[in-house]
Amino acid sequence: PLALATDYNPGSTPSGNMNFVVSTACIKMKMTPEEAINAATINGAYAMGISNQYGSICRGKKANLIITKPIESYNYLPYAFADNHIDTVILHGVVIK
């Protein structure tokens, strides 16, 4: 599986913004929004060897997730990288924002 990450490259493309990475994958790599979101979540966790605890929402995994403000479809997310659509952040089951 393909994984997306920032790696915060200080050279040619310095960005720690995962919204930008997912958007770029859709625009430049012709990935669908679903493919890019999967590459940034479950596939990224798998690539790091932590998919047994992170990367998807299911019983027994760490509850690290975001809840967005109302949007028409998740297909919209990669094309709205300049906007903040996050309503709530949950890390290890604790609401942060």
N, C-alpha and C. Protein backbone atom coordinates (compact mmCIF):
# COMPACT_ATOMS: atom_id res chain seq x y z
N PRO A 1 0.82 -1.21 0.00
CA PRO A 1 0.00 0.00 0.00
C PRO A 1 0.86 1.27 0.00
N LEU A 2 0.35 2.29 -0.59
CA LEU A 2 1.02 3.59 -0.65
C LEU A 2 0.71 4.37 0.62
N ALA A 3 1.74 4.98 1.20
CA ALA A 3 1.56 5.81 2.40
C ALA A 3 1.95 7.24 2.08
N LEU A 4 1.24 8.19 2.66
CA LEU A 4 1.56 9.61 2.53
C LEU A 4 1.98 10.15 3.88
N ALA A 5 2.99 11.01 3.87
CA ALA A 5 3.46 11.66 5.10
C ALA A 5 4.18 12.94 4.71
N THR A 6 4.45 13.78 5.68
CA THR A 6 5.16 15.02 5.38
C THR A 6 6.66 14.84 5.45
N ASP A 7 7.14 14.11 6.43
CA ASP A 7 8.57 13.98 6.71
C ASP A 7 9.21 15.33 6.94
N TYR A 8 8.43 16.38 6.89
CA TYR A 8 8.88 17.76 7.02
C TYR A 8 10.22 17.98 6.33
N ASN A 9 10.22 17.75 5.03
CA ASN A 9 11.41 17.91 4.19
C ASN A 9 11.89 19.36 4.23
N PRO A 10 13.07 19.62 4.77
CA PRO A 10 13.57 21.00 4.85
C PRO A 10 14.14 21.51 3.53
N GLY A 11 14.19 20.66 2.52
CA GLY A 11 14.80 21.04 1.25
C GLY A 11 13.80 21.58 0.26
N SER A 12 13.37 20.72 -0.66
CA SER A 12 12.56 21.15 -1.79
C SER A 12 11.11 21.49 -1.44
N THR A 13 10.54 20.81 -0.46
CA THR A 13 9.13 21.06 -0.13
C THR A 13 8.91 21.05 1.37
N PRO A 14 9.33 22.09 2.06
CA PRO A 14 9.17 22.11 3.52
C PRO A 14 7.71 22.35 3.92
N SER A 15 7.04 21.30 4.35
CA SER A 15 5.67 21.45 4.82
C SER A 15 5.36 20.37 5.83
N GLY A 16 4.82 20.75 6.95
CA GLY A 16 4.36 19.80 7.94
C GLY A 16 2.84 19.69 7.91
N ASN A 17 2.23 20.15 6.83
CA ASN A 17 0.79 20.24 6.72
C ASN A 17 0.22 19.03 5.98
N MET A 18 -0.41 18.11 6.72
CA MET A 18 -0.97 16.91 6.08
C MET A 18 -2.13 17.24 5.15
N ASN A 19 -2.86 18.32 5.41
CA ASN A 19 -3.92 18.73 4.47
C ASN A 19 -3.31 19.00 3.10
N PHE A 20 -2.18 19.69 3.08
CA PHE A 20 -1.49 19.99 1.83
C PHE A 20 -0.99 18.72 1.16
N VAL A 21 -0.46 17.79 1.93
CA VAL A 21 0.06 16.53 1.37
C VAL A 21 -1.07 15.73 0.72
N VAL A 22 -2.20 15.62 1.39
CA VAL A 22 -3.34 14.89 0.84
C VAL A 22 -3.87 15.59 -0.41
N SER A 23 -3.95 16.90 -0.38
CA SER A 23 -4.40 17.67 -1.53
C SER A 23 -3.46 17.49 -2.72
N THR A 24 -2.17 17.57 -2.46
CA THR A 24 -1.17 17.39 -3.52
C THR A 24 -1.26 15.99 -4.12
N ALA A 25 -1.50 14.99 -3.30
CA ALA A 25 -1.64 13.62 -3.81
C ALA A 25 -2.82 13.51 -4.77
N CYS A 26 -3.91 14.19 -4.46
CA CYS A 26 -5.07 14.16 -5.35
C CYS A 26 -4.82 14.92 -6.64
N ILE A 27 -4.19 16.06 -6.53
CA ILE A 27 -4.00 16.91 -7.70
C ILE A 27 -2.84 16.43 -8.57
N LYS A 28 -1.70 16.17 -7.97
CA LYS A 28 -0.50 15.83 -8.74
C LYS A 28 -0.34 14.33 -9.01
N MET A 29 -0.78 13.49 -8.07
CA MET A 29 -0.61 12.05 -8.22
C MET A 29 -1.89 11.38 -8.73
N LYS A 30 -2.93 12.19 -8.96
CA LYS A 30 -4.21 11.71 -9.48
C LYS A 30 -4.86 10.65 -8.60
N MET A 31 -4.61 10.73 -7.29
CA MET A 31 -5.27 9.83 -6.36
C MET A 31 -6.69 10.32 -6.10
N THR A 32 -7.59 9.41 -5.84
CA THR A 32 -8.93 9.83 -5.43
C THR A 32 -8.85 10.31 -3.98
N PRO A 33 -9.81 11.11 -3.53
CA PRO A 33 -9.78 11.53 -2.12
C PRO A 33 -9.75 10.33 -1.17
N GLU A 34 -10.51 9.29 -1.48
CA GLU A 34 -10.51 8.10 -0.62
C GLU A 34 -9.13 7.45 -0.56
N GLU A 35 -8.46 7.33 -1.71
CA GLU A 35 -7.11 6.75 -1.74
C GLU A 35 -6.13 7.59 -0.93
N ALA A 36 -6.21 8.92 -1.09
CA ALA A 36 -5.28 9.81 -0.38
C ALA A 36 -5.51 9.79 1.13
N ILE A 37 -6.76 9.78 1.54
CA ILE A 37 -7.06 9.74 2.98
C ILE A 37 -6.60 8.40 3.57
N ASN A 38 -6.84 7.31 2.85
CA ASN A 38 -6.35 6.00 3.31
C ASN A 38 -4.83 5.97 3.38
N ALA A 39 -4.17 6.56 2.39
CA ALA A 39 -2.71 6.58 2.37
C ALA A 39 -2.15 7.38 3.54
N ALA A 40 -2.89 8.40 3.97
CA ALA A 40 -2.43 9.25 5.08
C ALA A 40 -2.79 8.69 6.45
N THR A 41 -3.69 7.72 6.49
CA THR A 41 -4.15 7.19 7.79
C THR A 41 -3.73 5.74 7.97
N ILE A 42 -4.56 4.81 7.53
CA ILE A 42 -4.28 3.39 7.77
C ILE A 42 -3.00 2.92 7.09
N ASN A 43 -2.74 3.39 5.87
CA ASN A 43 -1.52 2.96 5.18
C ASN A 43 -0.28 3.56 5.83
N GLY A 44 -0.39 4.80 6.31
CA GLY A 44 0.73 5.41 7.02
C GLY A 44 1.05 4.66 8.30
N ALA A 45 0.02 4.28 9.03
CA ALA A 45 0.22 3.51 10.26
C ALA A 45 0.84 2.15 9.94
N TYR A 46 0.38 1.53 8.87
CA TYR A 46 0.93 0.23 8.46
C TYR A 46 2.41 0.36 8.10
N ALA A 47 2.75 1.41 7.36
CA ALA A 47 4.15 1.62 6.95
C ALA A 47 5.06 1.81 8.15
N MET A 48 4.54 2.37 9.23
CA MET A 48 5.34 2.58 10.44
C MET A 48 5.26 1.40 11.40
N GLY A 49 4.51 0.37 11.04
CA GLY A 49 4.40 -0.81 11.89
C GLY A 49 3.54 -0.61 13.13
N ILE A 50 2.61 0.35 13.07
CA ILE A 50 1.76 0.62 14.24
C ILE A 50 0.27 0.49 13.92
N SER A 51 -0.06 -0.18 12.83
CA SER A 51 -1.46 -0.28 12.42
C SER A 51 -2.30 -1.14 13.36
N ASN A 52 -1.66 -1.88 14.26
CA ASN A 52 -2.44 -2.64 15.24
C ASN A 52 -3.04 -1.72 16.31
N GLN A 53 -2.52 -0.50 16.45
CA GLN A 53 -3.02 0.45 17.45
C GLN A 53 -3.55 1.75 16.85
N TYR A 54 -3.10 2.10 15.63
CA TYR A 54 -3.43 3.40 15.04
C TYR A 54 -3.86 3.25 13.59
N GLY A 55 -4.41 4.32 13.03
CA GLY A 55 -4.66 4.40 11.60
C GLY A 55 -6.09 4.16 11.16
N SER A 56 -6.90 3.56 12.00
CA SER A 56 -8.30 3.35 11.65
C SER A 56 -9.13 3.36 12.93
N ILE A 57 -10.42 3.47 12.75
CA ILE A 57 -11.33 3.53 13.89
C ILE A 57 -11.96 2.15 14.07
N CYS A 58 -11.55 1.46 15.12
CA CYS A 58 -12.16 0.17 15.44
C CYS A 58 -11.87 -0.19 16.89
N ARG A 59 -12.63 -1.10 17.41
CA ARG A 59 -12.52 -1.52 18.81
C ARG A 59 -11.09 -1.99 19.10
N GLY A 60 -10.53 -1.48 20.21
CA GLY A 60 -9.21 -1.90 20.65
C GLY A 60 -8.07 -1.01 20.19
N LYS A 61 -8.33 -0.10 19.26
CA LYS A 61 -7.28 0.81 18.79
C LYS A 61 -7.34 2.12 19.56
N LYS A 62 -6.23 2.88 19.52
CA LYS A 62 -6.16 4.19 20.16
C LYS A 62 -7.17 5.11 19.49
N ALA A 63 -7.90 5.85 20.28
CA ALA A 63 -8.91 6.76 19.75
C ALA A 63 -8.28 8.10 19.43
N ASN A 64 -7.54 8.15 18.32
CA ASN A 64 -6.96 9.39 17.80
C ASN A 64 -7.72 9.72 16.53
N LEU A 65 -8.52 10.78 16.57
CA LEU A 65 -9.30 11.12 15.39
C LEU A 65 -9.71 12.58 15.42
N ILE A 66 -10.20 13.01 14.27
CA ILE A 66 -10.75 14.36 14.17
C ILE A 66 -12.22 14.25 13.78
N ILE A 67 -12.98 15.23 14.18
CA ILE A 67 -14.36 15.37 13.74
C ILE A 67 -14.42 16.70 13.01
N THR A 68 -14.91 16.67 11.78
CA THR A 68 -14.94 17.89 10.98
C THR A 68 -16.22 18.68 11.23
N LYS A 69 -16.14 19.94 10.84
CA LYS A 69 -17.35 20.76 10.76
C LYS A 69 -18.20 20.15 9.65
N PRO A 70 -19.48 20.46 9.58
CA PRO A 70 -20.32 19.88 8.52
C PRO A 70 -19.77 20.17 7.12
N ILE A 71 -19.64 19.11 6.34
CA ILE A 71 -19.23 19.23 4.94
C ILE A 71 -20.12 18.30 4.12
N GLU A 72 -20.23 18.58 2.83
CA GLU A 72 -21.11 17.77 1.98
C GLU A 72 -20.60 16.35 1.81
N SER A 73 -19.28 16.19 1.70
CA SER A 73 -18.71 14.88 1.44
C SER A 73 -17.24 14.89 1.83
N TYR A 74 -16.72 13.74 2.23
CA TYR A 74 -15.28 13.66 2.52
C TYR A 74 -14.45 13.91 1.26
N ASN A 75 -15.07 13.77 0.08
CA ASN A 75 -14.36 14.05 -1.17
C ASN A 75 -13.92 15.51 -1.27
N TYR A 76 -14.54 16.37 -0.49
CA TYR A 76 -14.23 17.80 -0.49
C TYR A 76 -12.93 18.10 0.26
N LEU A 77 -12.58 17.29 1.25
CA LEU A 77 -11.45 17.58 2.14
C LEU A 77 -10.12 17.84 1.42
N PRO A 78 -9.70 17.01 0.48
CA PRO A 78 -8.40 17.26 -0.15
C PRO A 78 -8.31 18.56 -0.93
N TYR A 79 -9.44 19.09 -1.33
CA TYR A 79 -9.43 20.31 -2.13
C TYR A 79 -9.67 21.56 -1.29
N ALA A 80 -9.68 21.41 0.01
CA ALA A 80 -9.90 22.53 0.92
C ALA A 80 -8.75 22.64 1.90
N PHE A 81 -7.52 22.42 1.40
CA PHE A 81 -6.36 22.37 2.30
C PHE A 81 -6.05 23.69 2.97
N ALA A 82 -6.52 24.79 2.43
CA ALA A 82 -6.23 26.09 3.03
C ALA A 82 -7.23 26.43 4.14
N ASP A 83 -8.31 25.68 4.20
CA ASP A 83 -9.34 25.93 5.21
C ASP A 83 -9.21 24.92 6.34
N ASN A 84 -9.55 25.34 7.53
CA ASN A 84 -9.54 24.44 8.67
C ASN A 84 -10.96 23.94 8.91
N HIS A 85 -11.19 22.68 8.59
CA HIS A 85 -12.52 22.09 8.77
C HIS A 85 -12.62 21.24 10.02
N ILE A 86 -11.58 21.29 10.86
CA ILE A 86 -11.58 20.48 12.07
C ILE A 86 -12.43 21.14 13.15
N ASP A 87 -13.36 20.38 13.68
CA ASP A 87 -14.20 20.86 14.77
C ASP A 87 -13.68 20.34 16.11
N THR A 88 -13.32 19.05 16.15
CA THR A 88 -12.91 18.41 17.40
C THR A 88 -11.71 17.51 17.14
N VAL A 89 -10.76 17.52 18.07
CA VAL A 89 -9.59 16.63 18.03
C VAL A 89 -9.65 15.73 19.25
N ILE A 90 -9.48 14.43 19.02
CA ILE A 90 -9.46 13.45 20.11
C ILE A 90 -8.15 12.69 20.05
N LEU A 91 -7.37 12.74 21.13
CA LEU A 91 -6.10 12.02 21.21
C LEU A 91 -6.15 11.05 22.38
N HIS A 92 -5.91 9.79 22.08
CA HIS A 92 -5.95 8.72 23.08
C HIS A 92 -7.26 8.74 23.86
N GLY A 93 -8.35 9.05 23.15
CA GLY A 93 -9.67 9.04 23.77
C GLY A 93 -10.03 10.29 24.54
N VAL A 94 -9.15 11.28 24.56
CA VAL A 94 -9.40 12.52 25.30
C VAL A 94 -9.66 13.66 24.31
N VAL A 95 -10.76 14.38 24.50
CA VAL A 95 -11.07 15.52 23.64
C VAL A 95 -10.10 16.64 23.96
N ILE A 96 -9.35 17.08 22.94
CA ILE A 96 -8.35 18.15 23.09
C ILE A 96 -8.96 19.49 22.70
N LYS A 97 -9.74 19.51 21.66
CA LYS A 97 -10.30 20.77 21.15
C LYS A 97 -11.78 20.59 20.91
